[in-house]
Amino acid sequence: MQHTALFLALLLTLPCFSETIYLTTGFSFKAQSHVLQGNSIVLHTATGTLEFPQSQVARIEADEKISSPAPSAKPTLPDLLRAAASSEGLEPELVESVARVESGLRPDAVSPKGARGLMQLLPATMAELGAGANDAVSNALAGSKYLRELLIRYHGDYVLALAAYNAGCGAVAKYHGVPPYPETVQYVLKVLREYHREKGTERAQNQQGFNTPNATD
């Protein structure tokens, strides 16, 4: 666990986010700063830049500066996941919920399809995102990065992003929404239930407001 403690300490020293970006879709995420370029807004984050048309950004709010706590001598896996989520400007509860459903918080988990680690990434995805096969830290970071990419791709729609995380973007495109695969439907519901449990809300049982097309569509 020593390497985890070291990397967690490094994660907690990542540049602090100072703004919250609210899109017109209702999705929000963290950024360090922004600049206007013509009709676009360029956002600077810890891992690069993002560009959105001004029409897609509802508002930008400055965050209060909060000092980071000193890392624990024995960081837990949820600590690691939350640090990884923060590095990508995501809600920690969302990333932890995905990991709980994906792997049961087991860094050594391997699925029948070959997905590995806390965030259950396939080898090709791990290679693309630079994640080590047996490294819990890089797996958490890569999974958070991939989830963030999906959320941006689907304009902050948690349901579609989670469906794509489970079944792939191709399946979501094919069915124009959540694929009618029982595994994927149950996966989305499980993650959302866990997410709302982590957030302390009571809406988890009602998060079934998405349509699943017939498999023959």
Protein backbone atom coordinates (compact mmCIF):
# COMPACT_ATOMS: atom_id res chain seq x y z
CA MET A 1 0.00 0.00 0.00
CA GLN A 2 3.05 2.25 0.23
CA HIS A 3 3.00 3.07 -3.49
CA THR A 4 -0.69 3.97 -3.16
CA ALA A 5 0.05 6.37 -0.31
CA LEU A 6 2.80 8.03 -2.36
CA PHE A 7 0.64 8.47 -5.44
CA LEU A 8 -2.31 9.66 -3.39
CA ALA A 9 -0.08 12.31 -1.86
CA LEU A 10 0.86 13.39 -5.38
CA LEU A 11 -2.79 13.45 -6.46
CA LEU A 12 -3.66 15.72 -3.58
CA THR A 13 -1.06 18.21 -4.79
CA LEU A 14 -2.65 18.57 -8.24
CA PRO A 15 -3.59 22.14 -9.22
CA CYS A 16 -6.73 23.24 -7.40
CA PHE A 17 -9.87 23.87 -9.38
CA SER A 18 -11.19 27.39 -8.93
CA GLU A 19 -14.31 27.41 -11.12
CA THR A 20 -17.43 25.33 -11.61
CA ILE A 21 -18.73 25.18 -15.18
CA TYR A 22 -22.48 24.70 -15.62
CA LEU A 23 -23.65 23.58 -19.05
CA THR A 24 -27.15 24.22 -20.38
CA THR A 25 -27.79 20.45 -20.13
CA GLY A 26 -27.47 20.64 -16.33
CA PHE A 27 -24.06 18.93 -16.25
CA SER A 28 -21.36 20.65 -14.22
CA PHE A 29 -17.64 20.06 -13.75
CA LYS A 30 -14.56 21.76 -12.35
CA ALA A 31 -11.96 23.80 -14.19
CA GLN A 32 -8.97 25.91 -13.23
CA SER A 33 -9.76 28.91 -15.45
CA HIS A 34 -11.38 29.95 -18.72
CA VAL A 35 -10.86 32.39 -21.57
CA LEU A 36 -13.18 33.65 -24.29
CA GLN A 37 -12.15 33.04 -27.90
CA GLY A 38 -14.66 34.39 -30.36
CA ASN A 39 -17.95 32.53 -29.79
CA SER A 40 -16.26 29.81 -27.76
CA ILE A 41 -15.15 29.37 -24.16
CA VAL A 42 -11.85 27.56 -23.64
CA LEU A 43 -11.58 25.83 -20.26
CA HIS A 44 -8.27 24.92 -18.64
CA THR A 45 -8.24 21.78 -16.48
CA ALA A 46 -5.55 19.73 -14.77
CA THR A 47 -5.36 17.38 -17.76
CA GLY A 48 -5.70 19.77 -20.71
CA THR A 49 -8.18 22.15 -22.31
CA LEU A 50 -11.79 21.88 -23.41
CA GLU A 51 -13.68 24.16 -25.78
CA PHE A 52 -17.43 24.78 -25.78
CA PRO A 53 -19.65 27.17 -27.75
CA GLN A 54 -20.81 29.97 -25.47
CA SER A 55 -24.39 28.93 -26.15
CA GLN A 56 -23.76 25.62 -24.33
CA VAL A 57 -22.44 27.21 -21.14
CA ALA A 58 -25.14 28.40 -18.76
CA ARG A 59 -22.83 30.03 -16.21
CA ILE A 60 -19.41 29.88 -14.58
CA GLU A 61 -19.05 30.28 -10.83
CA ALA A 62 -15.86 30.93 -8.88
CA ASP A 63 -15.26 28.40 -6.11
CA GLU A 64 -14.17 29.17 -2.60
CA LYS A 65 -10.57 28.21 -2.02
CA ILE A 66 -10.35 25.24 0.32
CA SER A 67 -7.02 23.94 1.57
CA SER A 68 -6.41 20.26 0.86
CA PRO A 69 -6.18 18.02 3.92
CA ALA A 70 -2.96 16.17 4.58
CA PRO A 71 -3.08 12.68 3.11
CA SER A 72 -3.74 9.81 5.51
CA ALA A 73 -0.84 7.55 6.42
CA LYS A 74 -2.96 4.62 5.27
CA PRO A 75 -5.22 5.88 2.48
CA THR A 76 -8.20 3.72 1.62
CA LEU A 77 -9.34 2.76 -1.87
CA PRO A 78 -12.27 5.23 -1.64
CA ASP A 79 -9.67 7.91 -0.80
CA LEU A 80 -7.78 7.00 -3.96
CA LEU A 81 -10.94 7.04 -6.11
CA ARG A 82 -12.05 10.39 -4.74
CA ALA A 83 -8.64 11.90 -5.43
CA ALA A 84 -8.76 10.52 -8.98
CA ALA A 85 -12.25 11.98 -9.45
CA SER A 86 -11.13 15.37 -8.20
CA SER A 87 -8.21 15.33 -10.64
CA GLU A 88 -10.74 15.13 -13.49
CA GLY A 89 -13.23 17.58 -11.99
CA LEU A 90 -15.83 14.85 -11.43
CA GLU A 91 -18.10 14.19 -8.49
CA PRO A 92 -16.22 11.78 -6.22
CA GLU A 93 -19.47 9.99 -5.42
CA LEU A 94 -19.99 9.14 -9.08
CA VAL A 95 -16.53 7.65 -9.62
CA GLU A 96 -16.69 5.68 -6.37
CA SER A 97 -20.14 4.37 -7.30
CA VAL A 98 -18.89 3.18 -10.69
CA ALA A 99 -15.97 1.39 -9.02
CA ARG A 100 -18.21 -0.26 -6.42
CA VAL A 101 -20.53 -1.65 -9.09
CA GLU A 102 -17.74 -2.51 -11.52
CA SER A 103 -15.32 -4.29 -9.21
CA GLY A 104 -16.66 -4.24 -5.66
CA LEU A 105 -13.61 -2.03 -4.91
CA ARG A 106 -11.23 -4.89 -5.75
CA PRO A 107 -8.02 -3.68 -7.46
CA ASP A 108 -7.29 -7.24 -8.61
CA ALA A 109 -10.74 -7.87 -10.16
CA VAL A 110 -10.75 -9.39 -13.66
CA SER A 111 -13.98 -9.87 -15.61
CA PRO A 112 -14.69 -12.78 -17.99
CA LYS A 113 -14.16 -10.30 -20.85
CA GLY A 114 -10.75 -9.29 -19.53
CA ALA A 115 -11.64 -5.93 -17.94
CA ARG A 116 -9.32 -5.20 -15.04
CA GLY A 117 -8.96 -3.26 -11.84
CA LEU A 118 -11.10 -0.93 -9.77
CA MET A 119 -12.71 0.69 -12.80
CA GLN A 120 -12.79 -2.52 -14.91
CA LEU A 121 -11.03 -1.21 -18.00
CA LEU A 122 -10.36 -3.39 -21.03
CA PRO A 123 -6.70 -3.80 -22.03
CA ALA A 124 -7.15 -1.64 -25.16
CA THR A 125 -8.71 1.15 -23.11
CA MET A 126 -5.98 0.91 -20.47
CA ALA A 127 -3.31 1.16 -23.13
CA GLU A 128 -5.00 4.17 -24.73
CA LEU A 129 -5.26 5.94 -21.37
CA GLY A 130 -1.85 4.88 -20.11
CA ALA A 131 -3.08 2.72 -17.21
CA GLY A 132 -1.01 -0.09 -15.74
CA ALA A 133 -2.61 -3.54 -15.66
CA ASN A 134 -2.01 -4.03 -11.91
CA ASP A 135 -1.75 -0.43 -10.73
CA ALA A 136 -4.77 0.70 -8.73
CA VAL A 137 -3.75 4.36 -8.92
CA SER A 138 -3.39 4.54 -12.70
CA ASN A 139 -6.53 2.42 -13.13
CA ALA A 140 -8.55 4.86 -11.01
CA LEU A 141 -7.12 7.84 -12.87
CA ALA A 142 -7.71 6.28 -16.29
CA GLY A 143 -11.26 5.24 -15.39
CA SER A 144 -12.04 8.74 -14.16
CA LYS A 145 -10.60 10.24 -17.33
CA TYR A 146 -12.64 7.87 -19.52
CA LEU A 147 -15.83 8.59 -17.57
CA ARG A 148 -15.23 12.33 -17.94
CA GLU A 149 -14.77 11.93 -21.70
CA LEU A 150 -18.08 10.07 -21.90
CA LEU A 151 -19.90 12.70 -19.85
CA ILE A 152 -18.63 15.42 -22.14
CA ARG A 153 -19.51 13.36 -25.22
CA TYR A 154 -23.10 12.94 -24.00
CA HIS A 155 -23.41 16.52 -22.72
CA GLY A 156 -23.52 15.55 -19.05
CA ASP A 157 -26.17 12.83 -19.41
CA TYR A 158 -25.24 10.38 -16.64
CA VAL A 159 -27.51 7.66 -18.01
CA LEU A 160 -25.98 7.65 -21.49
CA ALA A 161 -22.43 8.00 -20.15
CA LEU A 162 -22.90 5.01 -17.85
CA ALA A 163 -24.54 2.97 -20.60
CA ALA A 164 -21.55 3.68 -22.85
CA TYR A 165 -19.12 2.83 -20.05
CA ASN A 166 -20.77 -0.58 -19.82
CA ALA A 167 -21.77 -1.41 -23.40
CA GLY A 168 -19.66 0.95 -25.50
CA CYS A 169 -20.42 4.10 -27.46
CA GLY A 170 -21.26 2.05 -30.53
CA ALA A 171 -24.16 0.34 -28.77
CA VAL A 172 -25.52 3.66 -27.49
CA ALA A 173 -25.35 5.09 -31.03
CA LYS A 174 -26.97 1.99 -32.53
CA TYR A 175 -30.00 2.14 -30.26
CA HIS A 176 -30.10 5.95 -29.93
CA GLY A 177 -30.06 5.60 -26.15
CA VAL A 178 -29.52 2.94 -23.51
CA PRO A 179 -29.08 -0.42 -25.27
CA PRO A 180 -31.81 -2.94 -24.40
CA TYR A 181 -29.30 -5.32 -22.86
CA PRO A 182 -30.48 -6.51 -19.40
CA GLU A 183 -26.90 -6.28 -18.09
CA THR A 184 -26.53 -2.66 -19.22
CA VAL A 185 -29.94 -1.56 -17.95
CA GLN A 186 -29.26 -3.11 -14.54
CA TYR A 187 -25.76 -1.66 -14.49
CA VAL A 188 -27.00 1.90 -15.05
CA LEU A 189 -29.63 1.51 -12.34
CA LYS A 190 -27.15 0.02 -9.85
CA VAL A 191 -24.63 2.82 -10.34
CA LEU A 192 -27.29 5.51 -10.02
CA ARG A 193 -28.69 3.91 -6.86
CA GLU A 194 -25.22 3.76 -5.35
CA TYR A 195 -24.51 7.34 -6.46
CA HIS A 196 -27.65 8.67 -4.77
CA ARG A 197 -26.88 6.63 -1.67
CA GLU A 198 -23.43 8.23 -1.56
CA LYS A 199 -24.97 11.67 -2.09
CA GLY A 200 -27.54 11.02 0.62
CA THR A 201 -30.47 11.59 -1.69
CA GLU A 202 -33.61 9.54 -1.99
CA ARG A 203 -34.13 9.61 -5.74
CA ALA A 204 -32.29 6.40 -6.57
CA GLN A 205 -35.43 4.28 -6.75
CA ASN A 206 -36.94 6.69 -9.26
CA GLN A 207 -34.00 6.83 -11.67
CA GLN A 208 -35.75 4.76 -14.32
CA GLY A 209 -36.70 7.65 -16.56
CA PHE A 210 -34.83 6.39 -19.61
CA ASN A 211 -36.17 4.48 -22.55
CA THR A 212 -34.62 1.26 -23.79
CA PRO A 213 -35.39 0.56 -27.46
CA ASN A 214 -36.48 -2.90 -28.53
CA ALA A 215 -33.63 -5.12 -29.62
CA THR A 216 -35.24 -5.35 -33.04
CA ASP A 217 -35.16 -1.56 -33.60
